[in-house]
Amino acid sequence: MENSNILNATLLNPMVKHATIFAYYDELNPGEHFILQNDHDPKPLYYQLVGQKGDVFTWEYLEQGPEWWKIKITKKK
């Protein structure tokens, strides 16, 4: 997976948005990451990921609004 891999959450169907992001994460190999782009802070997603996956990823804000939030999500090795 390329380091420039960006998942624009605003283009996803709201009914399956979190499930799609989870599936995207699950496809990562340890040490790989993707950039989640959204039009609001996806902090609830962070808590959902922690709750379901545990401490197996890092969450790094690259941009925090006001128009876009970009988060680098990395699967820990």
PDB file of N, CA and C in Angstrom:
ATOM      1  N   MET A   1       0.857  -1.189   0.000  1.00  0.00           N
ATOM      2  CA  MET A   1       0.000   0.000   0.000  1.00  0.00           C
ATOM      3  C   MET A   1       0.898   1.246   0.000  1.00  0.00           C
ATOM      4  N   GLU A   2       0.554   2.193  -0.813  1.00  0.00           N
ATOM      5  CA  GLU A   2       1.364   3.406  -0.915  1.00  0.00           C
ATOM      6  C   GLU A   2       1.134   4.317   0.277  1.00  0.00           C
ATOM      7  N   ASN A   3       2.183   5.050   0.649  1.00  0.00           N
ATOM      8  CA  ASN A   3       2.091   5.987   1.761  1.00  0.00           C
ATOM      9  C   ASN A   3       1.117   7.113   1.483  1.00  0.00           C
ATOM     10  N   SER A   4       0.834   7.397   0.224  1.00  0.00           N
ATOM     11  CA  SER A   4      -0.052   8.505  -0.110  1.00  0.00           C
ATOM     12  C   SER A   4      -1.516   8.071  -0.187  1.00  0.00           C
ATOM     13  N   ASN A   5      -1.819   6.895   0.316  1.00  0.00           N
ATOM     14  CA  ASN A   5      -3.173   6.353   0.217  1.00  0.00           C
ATOM     15  C   ASN A   5      -4.137   7.158   1.095  1.00  0.00           C
ATOM     16  N   ILE A   6      -5.082   7.841   0.460  1.00  0.00           N
ATOM     17  CA  ILE A   6      -6.035   8.697   1.168  1.00  0.00           C
ATOM     18  C   ILE A   6      -7.438   8.127   1.010  1.00  0.00           C
ATOM     19  N   LEU A   7      -8.144   8.005   2.130  1.00  0.00           N
ATOM     20  CA  LEU A   7      -9.536   7.593   2.120  1.00  0.00           C
ATOM     21  C   LEU A   7     -10.375   8.808   2.486  1.00  0.00           C
ATOM     22  N   ASN A   8     -11.135   9.305   1.519  1.00  0.00           N
ATOM     23  CA  ASN A   8     -11.981  10.473   1.736  1.00  0.00           C
ATOM     24  C   ASN A   8     -13.327   9.994   2.275  1.00  0.00           C
ATOM     25  N   ALA A   9     -13.531  10.156   3.578  1.00  0.00           N
ATOM     26  CA  ALA A   9     -14.742   9.654   4.231  1.00  0.00           C
ATOM     27  C   ALA A   9     -15.997  10.388   3.770  1.00  0.00           C
ATOM     28  N   THR A  10     -15.846  11.582   3.245  1.00  0.00           N
ATOM     29  CA  THR A  10     -17.027  12.336   2.809  1.00  0.00           C
ATOM     30  C   THR A  10     -17.673  11.711   1.570  1.00  0.00           C
ATOM     31  N   LEU A  11     -16.949  10.845   0.879  1.00  0.00           N
ATOM     32  CA  LEU A  11     -17.483  10.203  -0.319  1.00  0.00           C
ATOM     33  C   LEU A  11     -18.179   8.877  -0.009  1.00  0.00           C
ATOM     34  N   LEU A  12     -18.107   8.436   1.244  1.00  0.00           N
ATOM     35  CA  LEU A  12     -18.671   7.149   1.620  1.00  0.00           C
ATOM     36  C   LEU A  12     -20.140   7.282   2.016  1.00  0.00           C
ATOM     37  N   ASN A  13     -20.902   6.258   1.729  1.00  0.00           N
ATOM     38  CA  ASN A  13     -22.299   6.194   2.144  1.00  0.00           C
ATOM     39  C   ASN A  13     -22.354   6.208   3.678  1.00  0.00           C
ATOM     40  N   PRO A  14     -23.082   7.143   4.278  1.00  0.00           N
ATOM     41  CA  PRO A  14     -23.129   7.229   5.747  1.00  0.00           C
ATOM     42  C   PRO A  14     -23.568   5.932   6.430  1.00  0.00           C
ATOM     43  N   MET A  15     -24.372   5.130   5.759  1.00  0.00           N
ATOM     44  CA  MET A  15     -24.858   3.880   6.356  1.00  0.00           C
ATOM     45  C   MET A  15     -23.734   2.859   6.558  1.00  0.00           C
ATOM     46  N   VAL A  16     -22.672   2.962   5.770  1.00  0.00           N
ATOM     47  CA  VAL A  16     -21.582   1.979   5.852  1.00  0.00           C
ATOM     48  C   VAL A  16     -20.229   2.645   6.069  1.00  0.00           C
ATOM     49  N   LYS A  17     -20.237   3.914   6.441  1.00  0.00           N
ATOM     50  CA  LYS A  17     -18.986   4.675   6.552  1.00  0.00           C
ATOM     51  C   LYS A  17     -17.997   4.016   7.517  1.00  0.00           C
ATOM     52  N   HIS A  18     -18.404   3.775   8.757  1.00  0.00           N
ATOM     53  CA  HIS A  18     -17.463   3.211   9.733  1.00  0.00           C
ATOM     54  C   HIS A  18     -17.047   1.797   9.342  1.00  0.00           C
ATOM     55  N   ALA A  19     -17.971   1.001   8.855  1.00  0.00           N
ATOM     56  CA  ALA A  19     -17.631  -0.362   8.424  1.00  0.00           C
ATOM     57  C   ALA A  19     -16.609  -0.333   7.294  1.00  0.00           C
ATOM     58  N   THR A  20     -16.755   0.608   6.374  1.00  0.00           N
ATOM     59  CA  THR A  20     -15.813   0.735   5.259  1.00  0.00           C
ATOM     60  C   THR A  20     -14.429   1.138   5.766  1.00  0.00           C
ATOM     61  N   ILE A  21     -14.390   2.075   6.703  1.00  0.00           N
ATOM     62  CA  ILE A  21     -13.107   2.513   7.259  1.00  0.00           C
ATOM     63  C   ILE A  21     -12.444   1.362   8.015  1.00  0.00           C
ATOM     64  N   PHE A  22     -13.223   0.592   8.773  1.00  0.00           N
ATOM     65  CA  PHE A  22     -12.681  -0.567   9.483  1.00  0.00           C
ATOM     66  C   PHE A  22     -12.102  -1.576   8.497  1.00  0.00           C
ATOM     67  N   ALA A  23     -12.821  -1.841   7.416  1.00  0.00           N
ATOM     68  CA  ALA A  23     -12.338  -2.785   6.407  1.00  0.00           C
ATOM     69  C   ALA A  23     -11.041  -2.275   5.772  1.00  0.00           C
ATOM     70  N   TYR A  24     -10.976  -0.977   5.537  1.00  0.00           N
ATOM     71  CA  TYR A  24      -9.768  -0.359   4.977  1.00  0.00           C
ATOM     72  C   TYR A  24      -8.597  -0.580   5.922  1.00  0.00           C
ATOM     73  N   TYR A  25      -8.850  -0.350   7.225  1.00  0.00           N
ATOM     74  CA  TYR A  25      -7.805  -0.567   8.230  1.00  0.00           C
ATOM     75  C   TYR A  25      -7.368  -2.035   8.252  1.00  0.00           C
ATOM     76  N   ASP A  26      -8.337  -2.940   8.209  1.00  0.00           N
ATOM     77  CA  ASP A  26      -8.028  -4.368   8.287  1.00  0.00           C
ATOM     78  C   ASP A  26      -7.145  -4.831   7.138  1.00  0.00           C
ATOM     79  N   GLU A  27      -7.197  -4.141   6.000  1.00  0.00           N
ATOM     80  CA  GLU A  27      -6.379  -4.505   4.839  1.00  0.00           C
ATOM     81  C   GLU A  27      -4.917  -4.089   4.992  1.00  0.00           C
ATOM     82  N   LEU A  28      -4.636  -3.221   5.950  1.00  0.00           N
ATOM     83  CA  LEU A  28      -3.258  -2.781   6.157  1.00  0.00           C
ATOM     84  C   LEU A  28      -2.398  -3.916   6.696  1.00  0.00           C
ATOM     85  N   ASN A  29      -1.148  -3.934   6.273  1.00  0.00           N
ATOM     86  CA  ASN A  29      -0.157  -4.793   6.897  1.00  0.00           C
ATOM     87  C   ASN A  29       0.451  -4.029   8.063  1.00  0.00           C
ATOM     88  N   PRO A  30       0.993  -4.735   9.053  1.00  0.00           N
ATOM     89  CA  PRO A  30       1.644  -4.029  10.163  1.00  0.00           C
ATOM     90  C   PRO A  30       2.696  -3.031   9.653  1.00  0.00           C
ATOM     91  N   GLY A  31       2.629  -1.822  10.189  1.00  0.00           N
ATOM     92  CA  GLY A  31       3.549  -0.760   9.783  1.00  0.00           C
ATOM     93  C   GLY A  31       3.006   0.125   8.677  1.00  0.00           C
ATOM     94  N   GLU A  32       1.952  -0.301   7.998  1.00  0.00           N
ATOM     95  CA  GLU A  32       1.353   0.508   6.931  1.00  0.00           C
ATOM     96  C   GLU A  32       0.329   1.466   7.507  1.00  0.00           C
ATOM     97  N   HIS A  33       0.014   2.492   6.707  1.00  0.00           N
ATOM     98  CA  HIS A  33      -0.962   3.484   7.151  1.00  0.00           C
ATOM     99  C   HIS A  33      -1.797   3.983   5.978  1.00  0.00           C
ATOM    100  N   PHE A  34      -2.849   4.699   6.322  1.00  0.00           N
ATOM    101  CA  PHE A  34      -3.600   5.458   5.336  1.00  0.00           C
ATOM    102  C   PHE A  34      -3.969   6.781   5.969  1.00  0.00           C
ATOM    103  N   ILE A  35      -4.349   7.733   5.123  1.00  0.00           N
ATOM    104  CA  ILE A  35      -4.780   9.048   5.577  1.00  0.00           C
ATOM    105  C   ILE A  35      -6.299   9.091   5.457  1.00  0.00           C
ATOM    106  N   LEU A  36      -6.957   9.321   6.580  1.00  0.00           N
ATOM    107  CA  LEU A  36      -8.402   9.498   6.583  1.00  0.00           C
ATOM    108  C   LEU A  36      -8.693  10.978   6.457  1.00  0.00           C
ATOM    109  N   GLN A  37      -9.454  11.337   5.453  1.00  0.00           N
ATOM    110  CA  GLN A  37      -9.834  12.738   5.228  1.00  0.00           C
ATOM    111  C   GLN A  37     -11.323  12.869   5.499  1.00  0.00           C
ATOM    112  N   ASN A  38     -11.694  13.878   6.289  1.00  0.00           N
ATOM    113  CA  ASN A  38     -13.094  14.064   6.646  1.00  0.00           C
ATOM    114  C   ASN A  38     -13.395  15.550   6.777  1.00  0.00           C
ATOM    115  N   ASP A  39     -14.693  15.898   6.786  1.00  0.00           N
ATOM    116  CA  ASP A  39     -15.084  17.304   6.895  1.00  0.00           C
ATOM    117  C   ASP A  39     -15.414  17.703   8.333  1.00  0.00           C
ATOM    118  N   HIS A  40     -15.156  16.801   9.282  1.00  0.00           N
ATOM    119  CA  HIS A  40     -15.302  17.101  10.713  1.00  0.00           C
ATOM    120  C   HIS A  40     -14.357  16.181  11.482  1.00  0.00           C
ATOM    121  N   ASP A  41     -14.126  16.480  12.736  1.00  0.00           N
ATOM    122  CA  ASP A  41     -13.235  15.665  13.555  1.00  0.00           C
ATOM    123  C   ASP A  41     -13.862  14.286  13.771  1.00  0.00           C
ATOM    124  N   PRO A  42     -13.198  13.216  13.313  1.00  0.00           N
ATOM    125  CA  PRO A  42     -13.780  11.882  13.449  1.00  0.00           C
ATOM    126  C   PRO A  42     -13.432  11.206  14.779  1.00  0.00           C
ATOM    127  N   LYS A  43     -13.377  11.973  15.852  1.00  0.00           N
ATOM    128  CA  LYS A  43     -13.006  11.428  17.154  1.00  0.00           C
ATOM    129  C   LYS A  43     -13.883  10.249  17.585  1.00  0.00           C
ATOM    130  N   PRO A  44     -15.209  10.259  17.316  1.00  0.00           N
ATOM    131  CA  PRO A  44     -16.005   9.068  17.673  1.00  0.00           C
ATOM    132  C   PRO A  44     -15.490   7.792  16.997  1.00  0.00           C
ATOM    133  N   LEU A  45     -14.969   7.911  15.787  1.00  0.00           N
ATOM    134  CA  LEU A  45     -14.387   6.763  15.093  1.00  0.00           C
ATOM    135  C   LEU A  45     -13.167   6.259  15.852  1.00  0.00           C
ATOM    136  N   TYR A  46     -12.360   7.178  16.355  1.00  0.00           N
ATOM    137  CA  TYR A  46     -11.185   6.800  17.141  1.00  0.00           C
ATOM    138  C   TYR A  46     -11.610   5.913  18.321  1.00  0.00           C
ATOM    139  N   TYR A  47     -12.610   6.365  19.074  1.00  0.00           N
ATOM    140  CA  TYR A  47     -13.065   5.595  20.238  1.00  0.00           C
ATOM    141  C   TYR A  47     -13.666   4.253  19.826  1.00  0.00           C
ATOM    142  N   GLN A  48     -14.330   4.217  18.696  1.00  0.00           N
ATOM    143  CA  GLN A  48     -14.886   2.962  18.198  1.00  0.00           C
ATOM    144  C   GLN A  48     -13.762   1.998  17.806  1.00  0.00           C
ATOM    145  N   LEU A  49     -12.736   2.518  17.150  1.00  0.00           N
ATOM    146  CA  LEU A  49     -11.586   1.679  16.792  1.00  0.00           C
ATOM    147  C   LEU A  49     -10.895   1.129  18.026  1.00  0.00           C
ATOM    148  N   VAL A  50     -10.667   1.964  19.024  1.00  0.00           N
ATOM    149  CA  VAL A  50     -10.029   1.512  20.259  1.00  0.00           C
ATOM    150  C   VAL A  50     -10.884   0.437  20.925  1.00  0.00           C
ATOM    151  N   GLY A  51     -12.198   0.681  20.967  1.00  0.00           N
ATOM    152  CA  GLY A  51     -13.096  -0.266  21.603  1.00  0.00           C
ATOM    153  C   GLY A  51     -13.145  -1.628  20.930  1.00  0.00           C
ATOM    154  N   GLN A  52     -13.054  -1.632  19.611  1.00  0.00           N
ATOM    155  CA  GLN A  52     -13.175  -2.888  18.870  1.00  0.00           C
ATOM    156  C   GLN A  52     -11.836  -3.556  18.576  1.00  0.00           C
ATOM    157  N   LYS A  53     -10.793  -2.723  18.390  1.00  0.00           N
ATOM    158  CA  LYS A  53      -9.494  -3.274  17.986  1.00  0.00           C
ATOM    159  C   LYS A  53      -8.469  -3.269  19.116  1.00  0.00           C
ATOM    160  N   GLY A  54      -8.618  -2.348  20.048  1.00  0.00           N
ATOM    161  CA  GLY A  54      -7.621  -2.218  21.106  1.00  0.00           C
ATOM    162  C   GLY A  54      -6.504  -1.278  20.691  1.00  0.00           C
ATOM    163  N   ASP A  55      -5.403  -1.366  21.395  1.00  0.00           N
ATOM    164  CA  ASP A  55      -4.258  -0.472  21.177  1.00  0.00           C
ATOM    165  C   ASP A  55      -3.353  -1.039  20.083  1.00  0.00           C
ATOM    166  N   VAL A  56      -3.878  -1.091  18.868  1.00  0.00           N
ATOM    167  CA  VAL A  56      -3.142  -1.719  17.764  1.00  0.00           C
ATOM    168  C   VAL A  56      -2.882  -0.749  16.610  1.00  0.00           C
ATOM    169  N   PHE A  57      -3.125   0.545  16.862  1.00  0.00           N
ATOM    170  CA  PHE A  57      -2.934   1.530  15.811  1.00  0.00           C
ATOM    171  C   PHE A  57      -2.499   2.858  16.436  1.00  0.00           C
ATOM    172  N   THR A  58      -1.946   3.718  15.581  1.00  0.00           N
ATOM    173  CA  THR A  58      -1.667   5.094  16.005  1.00  0.00           C
ATOM    174  C   THR A  58      -2.581   6.009  15.218  1.00  0.00           C
ATOM    175  N   TRP A  59      -2.897   7.146  15.825  1.00  0.00           N
ATOM    176  CA  TRP A  59      -3.851   8.125  15.281  1.00  0.00           C
ATOM    177  C   TRP A  59      -3.151   9.472  15.351  1.00  0.00           C
ATOM    178  N   GLU A  60      -2.737   9.999  14.220  1.00  0.00           N
ATOM    179  CA  GLU A  60      -1.970  11.244  14.188  1.00  0.00           C
ATOM    180  C   GLU A  60      -2.682  12.278  13.324  1.00  0.00           C
ATOM    181  N   TYR A  61      -3.061  13.390  13.962  1.00  0.00           N
ATOM    182  CA  TYR A  61      -3.695  14.473  13.202  1.00  0.00           C
ATOM    183  C   TYR A  61      -2.652  15.159  12.336  1.00  0.00           C
ATOM    184  N   LEU A  62      -2.923  15.249  11.044  1.00  0.00           N
ATOM    185  CA  LEU A  62      -2.075  15.989  10.112  1.00  0.00           C
ATOM    186  C   LEU A  62      -2.677  17.354   9.811  1.00  0.00           C
ATOM    187  N   GLU A  63      -4.006  17.428   9.892  1.00  0.00           N
ATOM    188  CA  GLU A  63      -4.738  18.678   9.664  1.00  0.00           C
ATOM    189  C   GLU A  63      -5.990  18.624  10.537  1.00  0.00           C
ATOM    190  N   GLN A  64      -6.310  19.746  11.199  1.00  0.00           N
ATOM    191  CA  GLN A  64      -7.451  19.774  12.120  1.00  0.00           C
ATOM    192  C   GLN A  64      -8.364  20.949  11.814  1.00  0.00           C
ATOM    193  N   GLY A  65      -8.990  20.907  10.639  1.00  0.00           N
ATOM    194  CA  GLY A  65      -9.984  21.906  10.273  1.00  0.00           C
ATOM    195  C   GLY A  65      -9.384  23.239   9.876  1.00  0.00           C
ATOM    196  N   PRO A  66     -10.237  24.194   9.615  1.00  0.00           N
ATOM    197  CA  PRO A  66     -11.687  24.130   9.810  1.00  0.00           C
ATOM    198  C   PRO A  66     -12.423  23.419   8.667  1.00  0.00           C
ATOM    199  N   GLU A  67     -11.779  23.295   7.504  1.00  0.00           N
ATOM    200  CA  GLU A  67     -12.464  22.677   6.364  1.00  0.00           C
ATOM    201  C   GLU A  67     -12.254  21.165   6.332  1.00  0.00           C
ATOM    202  N   TRP A  68     -11.019  20.727   6.546  1.00  0.00           N
ATOM    203  CA  TRP A  68     -10.679  19.302   6.451  1.00  0.00           C
ATOM    204  C   TRP A  68      -9.941  18.842   7.695  1.00  0.00           C
ATOM    205  N   TRP A  69     -10.208  17.611   8.056  1.00  0.00           N
ATOM    206  CA  TRP A  69      -9.433  16.904   9.066  1.00  0.00           C
ATOM    207  C   TRP A  69      -8.747  15.759   8.345  1.00  0.00           C
ATOM    208  N   LYS A  70      -7.453  15.639   8.557  1.00  0.00           N
ATOM    209  CA  LYS A  70      -6.691  14.530   7.967  1.00  0.00           C
ATOM    210  C   LYS A  70      -5.967  13.822   9.100  1.00  0.00           C
ATOM    211  N   ILE A  71      -6.185  12.521   9.179  1.00  0.00           N
ATOM    212  CA  ILE A  71      -5.612  11.715  10.235  1.00  0.00           C
ATOM    213  C   ILE A  71      -4.830  10.571   9.612  1.00  0.00           C
ATOM    214  N   LYS A  72      -3.600  10.435  10.055  1.00  0.00           N
ATOM    215  CA  LYS A  72      -2.766   9.309   9.630  1.00  0.00           C
ATOM    216  C   LYS A  72      -3.024   8.156  10.611  1.00  0.00           C
ATOM    217  N   ILE A  73      -3.580   7.079  10.091  1.00  0.00           N
ATOM    218  CA  ILE A  73      -3.891   5.903  10.896  1.00  0.00           C
ATOM    219  C   ILE A  73      -2.918   4.800  10.488  1.00  0.00           C
ATOM    220  N   THR A  74      -2.109   4.363  11.447  1.00  0.00           N
ATOM    221  CA  THR A  74      -1.064   3.372  11.175  1.00  0.00           C
ATOM    222  C   THR A  74      -1.334   2.116  11.988  1.00  0.00           C
ATOM    223  N   LYS A  75      -1.253   0.986  11.340  1.00  0.00           N
ATOM    224  CA  LYS A  75      -1.362  -0.298  12.052  1.00  0.00           C
ATOM    225  C   LYS A  75      -0.010  -0.586  12.700  1.00  0.00           C
ATOM    226  N   LYS A  76      -0.022  -0.778  14.008  1.00  0.00           N
ATOM    227  CA  LYS A  76       1.217  -1.034  14.729  1.00  0.00           C
ATOM    228  C   LYS A  76       1.815  -2.372  14.317  1.00  0.00           C
ATOM    229  N   LYS A  77       3.148  -2.427  14.402  1.00  0.00           N
ATOM    230  CA  LYS A  77       3.866  -3.672  14.083  1.00  0.00           C
ATOM    231  C   LYS A  77       3.749  -4.648  15.225  1.00  0.00           C
TER     232      LYS A  77
END
